[in-house]
Amino acid sequence: MNSAMTTTTFNLDGYRVVKNFGVVRGIIVRSRSIFGTIGAGLQTLVGGNISILTDLCERTRQDALAQMLEHARALGANAVIGLRYDATEIMQGVTEVLCYGTAVLVEPVATS
């Protein structure tokens, strides 16, 4: 599935929904390594963007998105609408990232 076929809205411009497969999700639980924790701690002393944690968060979101897209593909969907992310700290230094949306089959709208 092409990631361009995902949207946070509930419609995809130029396409119409022909089948709804329901909710799909990707869940990733990550913790920081001791080296990441130390590195992030040192970066906080300087201030500004904490790139170690930014990179970890970005990788985690990308992995959750990829997992959700695979779930949608397995159902036969070619698009995901209503895409959302949620994050919860499960315990100190351990975070769950959930990516979810509605898997749908879409087809291009005929133009006259």
PDB file of N, CA and C in Angstrom:
ATOM      1  N   MET A   1       0.847  -1.179   0.000  1.00  0.00           N
ATOM      2  CA  MET A   1       0.000   0.000   0.000  1.00  0.00           C
ATOM      3  C   MET A   1       0.887   1.235   0.000  1.00  0.00           C
ATOM      4  N   ASN A   2       0.545   2.177  -0.818  1.00  0.00           N
ATOM      5  CA  ASN A   2       1.260   3.437  -0.911  1.00  0.00           C
ATOM      6  C   ASN A   2       0.886   4.316   0.289  1.00  0.00           C
ATOM      7  N   SER A   3       1.886   4.830   1.010  1.00  0.00           N
ATOM      8  CA  SER A   3       1.581   5.663   2.185  1.00  0.00           C
ATOM      9  C   SER A   3       0.840   6.939   1.800  1.00  0.00           C
ATOM     10  N   ALA A   4       0.861   7.315   0.519  1.00  0.00           N
ATOM     11  CA  ALA A   4       0.078   8.471   0.062  1.00  0.00           C
ATOM     12  C   ALA A   4      -1.415   8.171   0.131  1.00  0.00           C
ATOM     13  N   MET A   5      -1.768   6.902   0.280  1.00  0.00           N
ATOM     14  CA  MET A   5      -3.175   6.508   0.370  1.00  0.00           C
ATOM     15  C   MET A   5      -3.627   6.456   1.824  1.00  0.00           C
ATOM     16  N   THR A   6      -3.026   7.279   2.663  1.00  0.00           N
ATOM     17  CA  THR A   6      -3.442   7.424   4.058  1.00  0.00           C
ATOM     18  C   THR A   6      -3.772   8.886   4.294  1.00  0.00           C
ATOM     19  N   THR A   7      -4.736   9.117   5.171  1.00  0.00           N
ATOM     20  CA  THR A   7      -5.120  10.491   5.472  1.00  0.00           C
ATOM     21  C   THR A   7      -5.723  10.570   6.872  1.00  0.00           C
ATOM     22  N   THR A   8      -5.583  11.714   7.485  1.00  0.00           N
ATOM     23  CA  THR A   8      -6.207  11.937   8.788  1.00  0.00           C
ATOM     24  C   THR A   8      -7.674  12.321   8.635  1.00  0.00           C
ATOM     25  N   THR A   9      -8.082  12.660   7.421  1.00  0.00           N
ATOM     26  CA  THR A   9      -9.484  12.987   7.169  1.00  0.00           C
ATOM     27  C   THR A   9     -10.263  11.698   6.935  1.00  0.00           C
ATOM     28  N   PHE A  10     -11.548  11.818   6.747  1.00  0.00           N
ATOM     29  CA  PHE A  10     -12.379  10.628   6.543  1.00  0.00           C
ATOM     30  C   PHE A  10     -12.795  10.448   5.094  1.00  0.00           C
ATOM     31  N   ASN A  11     -12.109  11.154   4.202  1.00  0.00           N
ATOM     32  CA  ASN A  11     -12.263  10.909   2.770  1.00  0.00           C
ATOM     33  C   ASN A  11     -10.923  11.166   2.094  1.00  0.00           C
ATOM     34  N   LEU A  12     -10.757  10.608   0.938  1.00  0.00           N
ATOM     35  CA  LEU A  12      -9.516  10.734   0.181  1.00  0.00           C
ATOM     36  C   LEU A  12      -9.885  11.418  -1.132  1.00  0.00           C
ATOM     37  N   ASP A  13      -9.407  12.642  -1.323  1.00  0.00           N
ATOM     38  CA  ASP A  13      -9.780  13.417  -2.508  1.00  0.00           C
ATOM     39  C   ASP A  13      -9.537  12.615  -3.786  1.00  0.00           C
ATOM     40  N   GLY A  14     -10.560  12.606  -4.644  1.00  0.00           N
ATOM     41  CA  GLY A  14     -10.464  11.927  -5.923  1.00  0.00           C
ATOM     42  C   GLY A  14     -10.821  10.452  -5.877  1.00  0.00           C
ATOM     43  N   TYR A  15     -11.179   9.968  -4.684  1.00  0.00           N
ATOM     44  CA  TYR A  15     -11.527   8.552  -4.524  1.00  0.00           C
ATOM     45  C   TYR A  15     -12.835   8.424  -3.756  1.00  0.00           C
ATOM     46  N   ARG A  16     -13.497   7.298  -3.943  1.00  0.00           N
ATOM     47  CA  ARG A  16     -14.678   7.006  -3.140  1.00  0.00           C
ATOM     48  C   ARG A  16     -14.485   5.650  -2.468  1.00  0.00           C
ATOM     49  N   VAL A  17     -14.992   5.540  -1.263  1.00  0.00           N
ATOM     50  CA  VAL A  17     -14.880   4.302  -0.492  1.00  0.00           C
ATOM     51  C   VAL A  17     -15.898   3.304  -1.038  1.00  0.00           C
ATOM     52  N   VAL A  18     -15.413   2.096  -1.395  1.00  0.00           N
ATOM     53  CA  VAL A  18     -16.324   1.057  -1.874  1.00  0.00           C
ATOM     54  C   VAL A  18     -16.474  -0.078  -0.863  1.00  0.00           C
ATOM     55  N   LYS A  19     -15.535  -0.165   0.089  1.00  0.00           N
ATOM     56  CA  LYS A  19     -15.643  -1.185   1.137  1.00  0.00           C
ATOM     57  C   LYS A  19     -14.892  -0.712   2.374  1.00  0.00           C
ATOM     58  N   ASN A  20     -15.486  -0.965   3.539  1.00  0.00           N
ATOM     59  CA  ASN A  20     -14.892  -0.602   4.818  1.00  0.00           C
ATOM     60  C   ASN A  20     -14.480  -1.894   5.526  1.00  0.00           C
ATOM     61  N   PHE A  21     -13.182  -1.998   5.870  1.00  0.00           N
ATOM     62  CA  PHE A  21     -12.680  -3.191   6.546  1.00  0.00           C
ATOM     63  C   PHE A  21     -12.614  -3.024   8.060  1.00  0.00           C
ATOM     64  N   GLY A  22     -12.838  -1.820   8.554  1.00  0.00           N
ATOM     65  CA  GLY A  22     -12.803  -1.564   9.989  1.00  0.00           C
ATOM     66  C   GLY A  22     -11.461  -1.025  10.472  1.00  0.00           C
ATOM     67  N   VAL A  23     -11.318  -1.011  11.763  1.00  0.00           N
ATOM     68  CA  VAL A  23     -10.140  -0.414  12.409  1.00  0.00           C
ATOM     69  C   VAL A  23      -8.918  -1.317  12.213  1.00  0.00           C
ATOM     70  N   VAL A  24      -7.803  -0.677  11.880  1.00  0.00           N
ATOM     71  CA  VAL A  24      -6.504  -1.351  11.810  1.00  0.00           C
ATOM     72  C   VAL A  24      -5.551  -0.609  12.725  1.00  0.00           C
ATOM     73  N   ARG A  25      -4.536  -1.316  13.212  1.00  0.00           N
ATOM     74  CA  ARG A  25      -3.619  -0.669  14.161  1.00  0.00           C
ATOM     75  C   ARG A  25      -2.228  -1.259  14.054  1.00  0.00           C
ATOM     76  N   GLY A  26      -1.288  -0.468  14.505  1.00  0.00           N
ATOM     77  CA  GLY A  26       0.100  -0.878  14.693  1.00  0.00           C
ATOM     78  C   GLY A  26       0.519  -0.412  16.070  1.00  0.00           C
ATOM     79  N   ILE A  27       1.040  -1.322  16.862  1.00  0.00           N
ATOM     80  CA  ILE A  27       1.433  -0.985  18.237  1.00  0.00           C
ATOM     81  C   ILE A  27       2.907  -1.308  18.427  1.00  0.00           C
ATOM     82  N   ILE A  28       3.648  -0.337  18.903  1.00  0.00           N
ATOM     83  CA  ILE A  28       5.072  -0.507  19.198  1.00  0.00           C
ATOM     84  C   ILE A  28       5.306  -0.069  20.638  1.00  0.00           C
ATOM     85  N   VAL A  29       6.030  -0.876  21.389  1.00  0.00           N
ATOM     86  CA  VAL A  29       6.424  -0.506  22.761  1.00  0.00           C
ATOM     87  C   VAL A  29       7.938  -0.408  22.765  1.00  0.00           C
ATOM     88  N   ARG A  30       8.455   0.746  23.151  1.00  0.00           N
ATOM     89  CA  ARG A  30       9.890   0.990  23.117  1.00  0.00           C
ATOM     90  C   ARG A  30      10.382   1.506  24.457  1.00  0.00           C
ATOM     91  N   SER A  31      11.629   1.204  24.730  1.00  0.00           N
ATOM     92  CA  SER A  31      12.302   1.791  25.890  1.00  0.00           C
ATOM     93  C   SER A  31      13.604   2.414  25.404  1.00  0.00           C
ATOM     94  N   ARG A  32      14.106   3.322  26.168  1.00  0.00           N
ATOM     95  CA  ARG A  32      15.402   3.921  25.857  1.00  0.00           C
ATOM     96  C   ARG A  32      16.493   3.004  26.383  1.00  0.00           C
ATOM     97  N   SER A  33      17.582   2.937  25.642  1.00  0.00           N
ATOM     98  CA  SER A  33      18.739   2.192  26.135  1.00  0.00           C
ATOM     99  C   SER A  33      19.447   3.053  27.183  1.00  0.00           C
ATOM    100  N   ILE A  34      20.305   2.440  27.949  1.00  0.00           N
ATOM    101  CA  ILE A  34      21.083   3.197  28.943  1.00  0.00           C
ATOM    102  C   ILE A  34      21.933   4.263  28.261  1.00  0.00           C
ATOM    103  N   PHE A  35      22.449   3.941  27.062  1.00  0.00           N
ATOM    104  CA  PHE A  35      23.273   4.909  26.334  1.00  0.00           C
ATOM    105  C   PHE A  35      22.420   6.063  25.821  1.00  0.00           C
ATOM    106  N   GLY A  36      21.205   5.739  25.372  1.00  0.00           N
ATOM    107  CA  GLY A  36      20.292   6.787  24.921  1.00  0.00           C
ATOM    108  C   GLY A  36      19.875   7.688  26.059  1.00  0.00           C
ATOM    109  N   THR A  37      19.647   7.097  27.224  1.00  0.00           N
ATOM    110  CA  THR A  37      19.250   7.873  28.400  1.00  0.00           C
ATOM    111  C   THR A  37      20.375   8.808  28.823  1.00  0.00           C
ATOM    112  N   ILE A  38      21.593   8.296  28.847  1.00  0.00           N
ATOM    113  CA  ILE A  38      22.749   9.131  29.223  1.00  0.00           C
ATOM    114  C   ILE A  38      22.957  10.237  28.191  1.00  0.00           C
ATOM    115  N   GLY A  39      22.898   9.864  26.901  1.00  0.00           N
ATOM    116  CA  GLY A  39      23.085  10.850  25.832  1.00  0.00           C
ATOM    117  C   GLY A  39      22.026  11.932  25.871  1.00  0.00           C
ATOM    118  N   ALA A  40      20.777  11.537  26.099  1.00  0.00           N
ATOM    119  CA  ALA A  40      19.692  12.520  26.178  1.00  0.00           C
ATOM    120  C   ALA A  40      19.882  13.413  27.398  1.00  0.00           C
ATOM    121  N   GLY A  41      20.327  12.824  28.501  1.00  0.00           N
ATOM    122  CA  GLY A  41      20.589  13.611  29.713  1.00  0.00           C
ATOM    123  C   GLY A  41      21.657  14.664  29.463  1.00  0.00           C
ATOM    124  N   LEU A  42      22.698  14.293  28.739  1.00  0.00           N
ATOM    125  CA  LEU A  42      23.753  15.255  28.410  1.00  0.00           C
ATOM    126  C   LEU A  42      23.229  16.346  27.478  1.00  0.00           C
ATOM    127  N   GLN A  43      22.371  15.967  26.522  1.00  0.00           N
ATOM    128  CA  GLN A  43      21.822  16.971  25.608  1.00  0.00           C
ATOM    129  C   GLN A  43      20.918  17.960  26.338  1.00  0.00           C
ATOM    130  N   THR A  44      20.253  17.530  27.406  1.00  0.00           N
ATOM    131  CA  THR A  44      19.388  18.462  28.140  1.00  0.00           C
ATOM    132  C   THR A  44      20.195  19.540  28.838  1.00  0.00           C
ATOM    133  N   LEU A  45      21.466  19.249  29.138  1.00  0.00           N
ATOM    134  CA  LEU A  45      22.316  20.250  29.776  1.00  0.00           C
ATOM    135  C   LEU A  45      22.597  21.417  28.840  1.00  0.00           C
ATOM    136  N   VAL A  46      22.665  21.122  27.548  1.00  0.00           N
ATOM    137  CA  VAL A  46      22.953  22.151  26.550  1.00  0.00           C
ATOM    138  C   VAL A  46      21.680  22.892  26.150  1.00  0.00           C
ATOM    139  N   GLY A  47      20.548  22.182  26.175  1.00  0.00           N
ATOM    140  CA  GLY A  47      19.278  22.775  25.769  1.00  0.00           C
ATOM    141  C   GLY A  47      19.020  22.567  24.289  1.00  0.00           C
ATOM    142  N   GLY A  48      17.836  22.935  23.868  1.00  0.00           N
ATOM    143  CA  GLY A  48      17.473  22.789  22.451  1.00  0.00           C
ATOM    144  C   GLY A  48      16.871  21.421  22.164  1.00  0.00           C
ATOM    145  N   ASN A  49      16.886  21.064  20.892  1.00  0.00           N
ATOM    146  CA  ASN A  49      16.334  19.792  20.444  1.00  0.00           C
ATOM    147  C   ASN A  49      17.146  18.630  21.008  1.00  0.00           C
ATOM    148  N   ILE A  50      16.480  17.672  21.587  1.00  0.00           N
ATOM    149  CA  ILE A  50      17.149  16.480  22.113  1.00  0.00           C
ATOM    150  C   ILE A  50      17.066  15.431  21.008  1.00  0.00           C
ATOM    151  N   SER A  51      18.036  15.473  20.100  1.00  0.00           N
ATOM    152  CA  SER A  51      17.982  14.696  18.861  1.00  0.00           C
ATOM    153  C   SER A  51      17.929  13.193  19.097  1.00  0.00           C
ATOM    154  N   ILE A  52      18.544  12.698  20.139  1.00  0.00           N
ATOM    155  CA  ILE A  52      18.510  11.259  20.427  1.00  0.00           C
ATOM    156  C   ILE A  52      17.065  10.809  20.653  1.00  0.00           C
ATOM    157  N   LEU A  53      16.313  11.573  21.421  1.00  0.00           N
ATOM    158  CA  LEU A  53      14.921  11.209  21.698  1.00  0.00           C
ATOM    159  C   LEU A  53      14.019  11.507  20.497  1.00  0.00           C
ATOM    160  N   THR A  54      14.317  12.580  19.770  1.00  0.00           N
ATOM    161  CA  THR A  54      13.551  12.890  18.561  1.00  0.00           C
ATOM    162  C   THR A  54      13.668  11.747  17.563  1.00  0.00           C
ATOM    163  N   ASP A  55      14.890  11.254  17.351  1.00  0.00           N
ATOM    164  CA  ASP A  55      15.108  10.140  16.422  1.00  0.00           C
ATOM    165  C   ASP A  55      14.404   8.877  16.898  1.00  0.00           C
ATOM    166  N   LEU A  56      14.456   8.593  18.186  1.00  0.00           N
ATOM    167  CA  LEU A  56      13.779   7.420  18.735  1.00  0.00           C
ATOM    168  C   LEU A  56      12.269   7.513  18.519  1.00  0.00           C
ATOM    169  N   CYS A  57      11.703   8.689  18.786  1.00  0.00           N
ATOM    170  CA  CYS A  57      10.255   8.887  18.593  1.00  0.00           C
ATOM    171  C   CYS A  57       9.876   8.751  17.128  1.00  0.00           C
ATOM    172  N   GLU A  58      10.674   9.312  16.247  1.00  0.00           N
ATOM    173  CA  GLU A  58      10.372   9.232  14.812  1.00  0.00           C
ATOM    174  C   GLU A  58      10.431   7.787  14.321  1.00  0.00           C
ATOM    175  N   ARG A  59      11.448   7.047  14.715  1.00  0.00           N
ATOM    176  CA  ARG A  59      11.555   5.628  14.323  1.00  0.00           C
ATOM    177  C   ARG A  59      10.370   4.823  14.854  1.00  0.00           C
ATOM    178  N   THR A  60       9.976   5.105  16.085  1.00  0.00           N
ATOM    179  CA  THR A  60       8.860   4.391  16.695  1.00  0.00           C
ATOM    180  C   THR A  60       7.563   4.672  15.952  1.00  0.00           C
ATOM    181  N   ARG A  61       7.310   5.932  15.612  1.00  0.00           N
ATOM    182  CA  ARG A  61       6.095   6.273  14.866  1.00  0.00           C
ATOM    183  C   ARG A  61       6.102   5.637  13.481  1.00  0.00           C
ATOM    184  N   GLN A  62       7.254   5.653  12.816  1.00  0.00           N
ATOM    185  CA  GLN A  62       7.365   5.024  11.491  1.00  0.00           C
ATOM    186  C   GLN A  62       7.106   3.519  11.569  1.00  0.00           C
ATOM    187  N   ASP A  63       7.632   2.879  12.600  1.00  0.00           N
ATOM    188  CA  ASP A  63       7.406   1.433  12.772  1.00  0.00           C
ATOM    189  C   ASP A  63       5.939   1.124  13.046  1.00  0.00           C
ATOM    190  N   ALA A  64       5.281   1.943  13.862  1.00  0.00           N
ATOM    191  CA  ALA A  64       3.860   1.746  14.150  1.00  0.00           C
ATOM    192  C   ALA A  64       3.027   1.957  12.885  1.00  0.00           C
ATOM    193  N   LEU A  65       3.379   2.963  12.081  1.00  0.00           N
ATOM    194  CA  LEU A  65       2.681   3.216  10.819  1.00  0.00           C
ATOM    195  C   LEU A  65       2.854   2.032   9.867  1.00  0.00           C
ATOM    196  N   ALA A  66       4.081   1.537   9.733  1.00  0.00           N
ATOM    197  CA  ALA A  66       4.349   0.397   8.845  1.00  0.00           C
ATOM    198  C   ALA A  66       3.553  -0.834   9.291  1.00  0.00           C
ATOM    199  N   GLN A  67       3.490  -1.061  10.585  1.00  0.00           N
ATOM    200  CA  GLN A  67       2.733  -2.197  11.116  1.00  0.00           C
ATOM    201  C   GLN A  67       1.239  -2.042  10.824  1.00  0.00           C
ATOM    202  N   MET A  68       0.710  -0.826  10.977  1.00  0.00           N
ATOM    203  CA  MET A  68      -0.698  -0.574  10.687  1.00  0.00           C
ATOM    204  C   MET A  68      -0.991  -0.777   9.199  1.00  0.00           C
ATOM    205  N   LEU A  69      -0.108  -0.282   8.326  1.00  0.00           N
ATOM    206  CA  LEU A  69      -0.304  -0.448   6.887  1.00  0.00           C
ATOM    207  C   LEU A  69      -0.284  -1.921   6.502  1.00  0.00           C
ATOM    208  N   GLU A  70       0.577  -2.706   7.135  1.00  0.00           N
ATOM    209  CA  GLU A  70       0.625  -4.146   6.868  1.00  0.00           C
ATOM    210  C   GLU A  70      -0.683  -4.811   7.304  1.00  0.00           C
ATOM    211  N   HIS A  71      -1.220  -4.398   8.438  1.00  0.00           N
ATOM    212  CA  HIS A  71      -2.504  -4.914   8.910  1.00  0.00           C
ATOM    213  C   HIS A  71      -3.597  -4.603   7.883  1.00  0.00           C
ATOM    214  N   ALA A  72      -3.607  -3.369   7.354  1.00  0.00           N
ATOM    215  CA  ALA A  72      -4.605  -2.968   6.359  1.00  0.00           C
ATOM    216  C   ALA A  72      -4.441  -3.785   5.075  1.00  0.00           C
ATOM    217  N   ARG A  73      -3.207  -3.951   4.620  1.00  0.00           N
ATOM    218  CA  ARG A  73      -2.932  -4.744   3.417  1.00  0.00           C
ATOM    219  C   ARG A  73      -3.441  -6.171   3.567  1.00  0.00           C
ATOM    220  N   ALA A  74      -3.212  -6.757   4.742  1.00  0.00           N
ATOM    221  CA  ALA A  74      -3.624  -8.140   5.001  1.00  0.00           C
ATOM    222  C   ALA A  74      -5.145  -8.298   4.902  1.00  0.00           C
ATOM    223  N   LEU A  75      -5.880  -7.232   5.168  1.00  0.00           N
ATOM    224  CA  LEU A  75      -7.344  -7.281   5.065  1.00  0.00           C
ATOM    225  C   LEU A  75      -7.838  -7.046   3.637  1.00  0.00           C
ATOM    226  N   GLY A  76      -6.940  -6.569   2.757  1.00  0.00           N
ATOM    227  CA  GLY A  76      -7.324  -6.286   1.377  1.00  0.00           C
ATOM    228  C   GLY A  76      -7.580  -4.815   1.094  1.00  0.00           C
ATOM    229  N   ALA A  77      -7.244  -3.950   2.038  1.00  0.00           N
ATOM    230  CA  ALA A  77      -7.459  -2.508   1.869  1.00  0.00           C
ATOM    231  C   ALA A  77      -6.379  -1.901   0.968  1.00  0.00           C
ATOM    232  N   ASN A  78      -6.718  -0.797   0.323  1.00  0.00           N
ATOM    233  CA  ASN A  78      -5.722  -0.054  -0.441  1.00  0.00           C
ATOM    234  C   ASN A  78      -5.577   1.379   0.065  1.00  0.00           C
ATOM    235  N   ALA A  79      -6.246   1.691   1.196  1.00  0.00           N
ATOM    236  CA  ALA A  79      -6.142   3.025   1.794  1.00  0.00           C
ATOM    237  C   ALA A  79      -6.537   2.946   3.269  1.00  0.00           C
ATOM    238  N   VAL A  80      -6.086   3.949   4.022  1.00  0.00           N
ATOM    239  CA  VAL A  80      -6.467   4.077   5.434  1.00  0.00           C
ATOM    240  C   VAL A  80      -6.902   5.520   5.649  1.00  0.00           C
ATOM    241  N   ILE A  81      -8.110   5.678   6.186  1.00  0.00           N
ATOM    242  CA  ILE A  81      -8.634   7.011   6.474  1.00  0.00           C
ATOM    243  C   ILE A  81      -8.746   7.184   7.988  1.00  0.00           C
ATOM    244  N   GLY A  82      -8.823   8.439   8.426  1.00  0.00           N
ATOM    245  CA  GLY A  82      -8.960   8.720   9.857  1.00  0.00           C
ATOM    246  C   GLY A  82      -7.726   8.319  10.653  1.00  0.00           C
ATOM    247  N   LEU A  83      -6.552   8.414  10.049  1.00  0.00           N
ATOM    248  CA  LEU A  83      -5.293   8.005  10.687  1.00  0.00           C
ATOM    249  C   LEU A  83      -5.001   8.850  11.927  1.00  0.00           C
ATOM    250  N   ARG A  84      -4.627   8.180  13.006  1.00  0.00           N
ATOM    251  CA  ARG A  84      -4.289   8.859  14.263  1.00  0.00           C
ATOM    252  C   ARG A  84      -3.119   8.154  14.934  1.00  0.00           C
ATOM    253  N   TYR A  85      -2.448   8.871  15.811  1.00  0.00           N
ATOM    254  CA  TYR A  85      -1.406   8.325  16.675  1.00  0.00           C
ATOM    255  C   TYR A  85      -1.804   8.576  18.120  1.00  0.00           C
ATOM    256  N   ASP A  86      -1.387   7.690  18.995  1.00  0.00           N
ATOM    257  CA  ASP A  86      -1.581   7.871  20.421  1.00  0.00           C
ATOM    258  C   ASP A  86      -0.335   7.320  21.100  1.00  0.00           C
ATOM    259  N   ALA A  87       0.061   7.907  22.192  1.00  0.00           N
ATOM    260  CA  ALA A  87       1.229   7.426  22.944  1.00  0.00           C
ATOM    261  C   ALA A  87       0.896   7.404  24.424  1.00  0.00           C
ATOM    262  N   THR A  88       1.368   6.357  25.098  1.00  0.00           N
ATOM    263  CA  THR A  88       1.140   6.201  26.528  1.00  0.00           C
ATOM    264  C   THR A  88       2.428   5.730  27.178  1.00  0.00           C
ATOM    265  N   GLU A  89       2.794   6.380  28.265  1.00  0.00           N
ATOM    266  CA  GLU A  89       3.949   5.897  29.034  1.00  0.00           C
ATOM    267  C   GLU A  89       3.465   4.751  29.908  1.00  0.00           C
ATOM    268  N   ILE A  90       3.978   3.558  29.650  1.00  0.00           N
ATOM    269  CA  ILE A  90       3.560   2.362  30.381  1.00  0.00           C
ATOM    270  C   ILE A  90       4.263   2.291  31.732  1.00  0.00           C
ATOM    271  N   MET A  91       5.537   2.615  31.732  1.00  0.00           N
ATOM    272  CA  MET A  91       6.325   2.711  32.957  1.00  0.00           C
ATOM    273  C   MET A  91       7.488   3.650  32.659  1.00  0.00           C
ATOM    274  N   GLN A  92       8.241   3.996  33.666  1.00  0.00           N
ATOM    275  CA  GLN A  92       9.351   4.941  33.497  1.00  0.00           C
ATOM    276  C   GLN A  92      10.255   4.506  32.339  1.00  0.00           C
ATOM    277  N   GLY A  93      10.323   5.340  31.304  1.00  0.00           N
ATOM    278  CA  GLY A  93      11.218   5.066  30.180  1.00  0.00           C
ATOM    279  C   GLY A  93      10.679   4.082  29.150  1.00  0.00           C
ATOM    280  N   VAL A  94       9.434   3.623  29.307  1.00  0.00           N
ATOM    281  CA  VAL A  94       8.823   2.678  28.358  1.00  0.00           C
ATOM    282  C   VAL A  94       7.527   3.287  27.839  1.00  0.00           C
ATOM    283  N   THR A  95       7.455   3.448  26.528  1.00  0.00           N
ATOM    284  CA  THR A  95       6.311   4.101  25.912  1.00  0.00           C
ATOM    285  C   THR A  95       5.699   3.225  24.833  1.00  0.00           C
ATOM    286  N   GLU A  96       4.374   3.212  24.807  1.00  0.00           N
ATOM    287  CA  GLU A  96       3.629   2.532  23.750  1.00  0.00           C
ATOM    288  C   GLU A  96       3.191   3.591  22.747  1.00  0.00           C
ATOM    289  N   VAL A  97       3.410   3.328  21.467  1.00  0.00           N
ATOM    290  CA  VAL A  97       2.896   4.196  20.413  1.00  0.00           C
ATOM    291  C   VAL A  97       1.927   3.376  19.585  1.00  0.00           C
ATOM    292  N   LEU A  98       0.726   3.900  19.430  1.00  0.00           N
ATOM    293  CA  LEU A  98      -0.338   3.246  18.687  1.00  0.00           C
ATOM    294  C   LEU A  98      -0.657   4.101  17.470  1.00  0.00           C
ATOM    295  N   CYS A  99      -0.665   3.480  16.311  1.00  0.00           N
ATOM    296  CA  CYS A  99      -1.088   4.134  15.080  1.00  0.00           C
ATOM    297  C   CYS A  99      -2.343   3.388  14.625  1.00  0.00           C
ATOM    298  N   TYR A 100      -3.427   4.108  14.380  1.00  0.00           N
ATOM    299  CA  TYR A 100      -4.661   3.432  14.009  1.00  0.00           C
ATOM    300  C   TYR A 100      -5.464   4.260  13.015  1.00  0.00           C
ATOM    301  N   GLY A 101      -6.367   3.597  12.338  1.00  0.00           N
ATOM    302  CA  GLY A 101      -7.234   4.250  11.372  1.00  0.00           C
ATOM    303  C   GLY A 101      -8.248   3.245  10.864  1.00  0.00           C
ATOM    304  N   THR A 102      -8.989   3.634   9.840  1.00  0.00           N
ATOM    305  CA  THR A 102      -9.995   2.764   9.234  1.00  0.00           C
ATOM    306  C   THR A 102      -9.489   2.297   7.880  1.00  0.00           C
ATOM    307  N   ALA A 103      -9.380   0.976   7.724  1.00  0.00           N
ATOM    308  CA  ALA A 103      -8.925   0.387   6.461  1.00  0.00           C
ATOM    309  C   ALA A 103     -10.095   0.366   5.488  1.00  0.00           C
ATOM    310  N   VAL A 104      -9.850   0.843   4.276  1.00  0.00           N
ATOM    311  CA  VAL A 104     -10.900   0.902   3.261  1.00  0.00           C
ATOM    312  C   VAL A 104     -10.362   0.491   1.901  1.00  0.00           C
ATOM    313  N   LEU A 105     -11.276   0.113   1.044  1.00  0.00           N
ATOM    314  CA  LEU A 105     -10.983  -0.105  -0.366  1.00  0.00           C
ATOM    315  C   LEU A 105     -11.567   1.080  -1.100  1.00  0.00           C
ATOM    316  N   VAL A 106     -10.741   1.786  -1.852  1.00  0.00           N
ATOM    317  CA  VAL A 106     -11.202   2.963  -2.578  1.00  0.00           C
ATOM    318  C   VAL A 106     -10.979   2.760  -4.070  1.00  0.00           C
ATOM    319  N   GLU A 107     -11.749   3.505  -4.843  1.00  0.00           N
ATOM    320  CA  GLU A 107     -11.548   3.531  -6.288  1.00  0.00           C
ATOM    321  C   GLU A 107     -11.644   4.982  -6.748  1.00  0.00           C
ATOM    322  N   PRO A 108     -10.953   5.306  -7.831  1.00  0.00           N
ATOM    323  CA  PRO A 108     -11.001   6.691  -8.320  1.00  0.00           C
ATOM    324  C   PRO A 108     -12.426   7.089  -8.696  1.00  0.00           C
ATOM    325  N   VAL A 109     -12.736   8.342  -8.426  1.00  0.00           N
ATOM    326  CA  VAL A 109     -14.036   8.903  -8.811  1.00  0.00           C
ATOM    327  C   VAL A 109     -13.965   9.186 -10.307  1.00  0.00           C
ATOM    328  N   ALA A 110     -14.969   8.726 -11.040  1.00  0.00           N
ATOM    329  CA  ALA A 110     -15.009   8.974 -12.485  1.00  0.00           C
ATOM    330  C   ALA A 110     -15.227  10.464 -12.735  1.00  0.00           C
ATOM    331  N   THR A 111     -14.442  11.028 -13.617  1.00  0.00           N
ATOM    332  CA  THR A 111     -14.610  12.442 -13.970  1.00  0.00           C
ATOM    333  C   THR A 111     -15.326  12.539 -15.305  1.00  0.00           C
ATOM    334  N   SER A 112     -16.175  13.542 -15.430  1.00  0.00           N
ATOM    335  CA  SER A 112     -16.921  13.675 -16.694  1.00  0.00           C
ATOM    336  C   SER A 112     -16.296  14.693 -17.586  1.00  0.00           C
TER     337      SER A 112
END
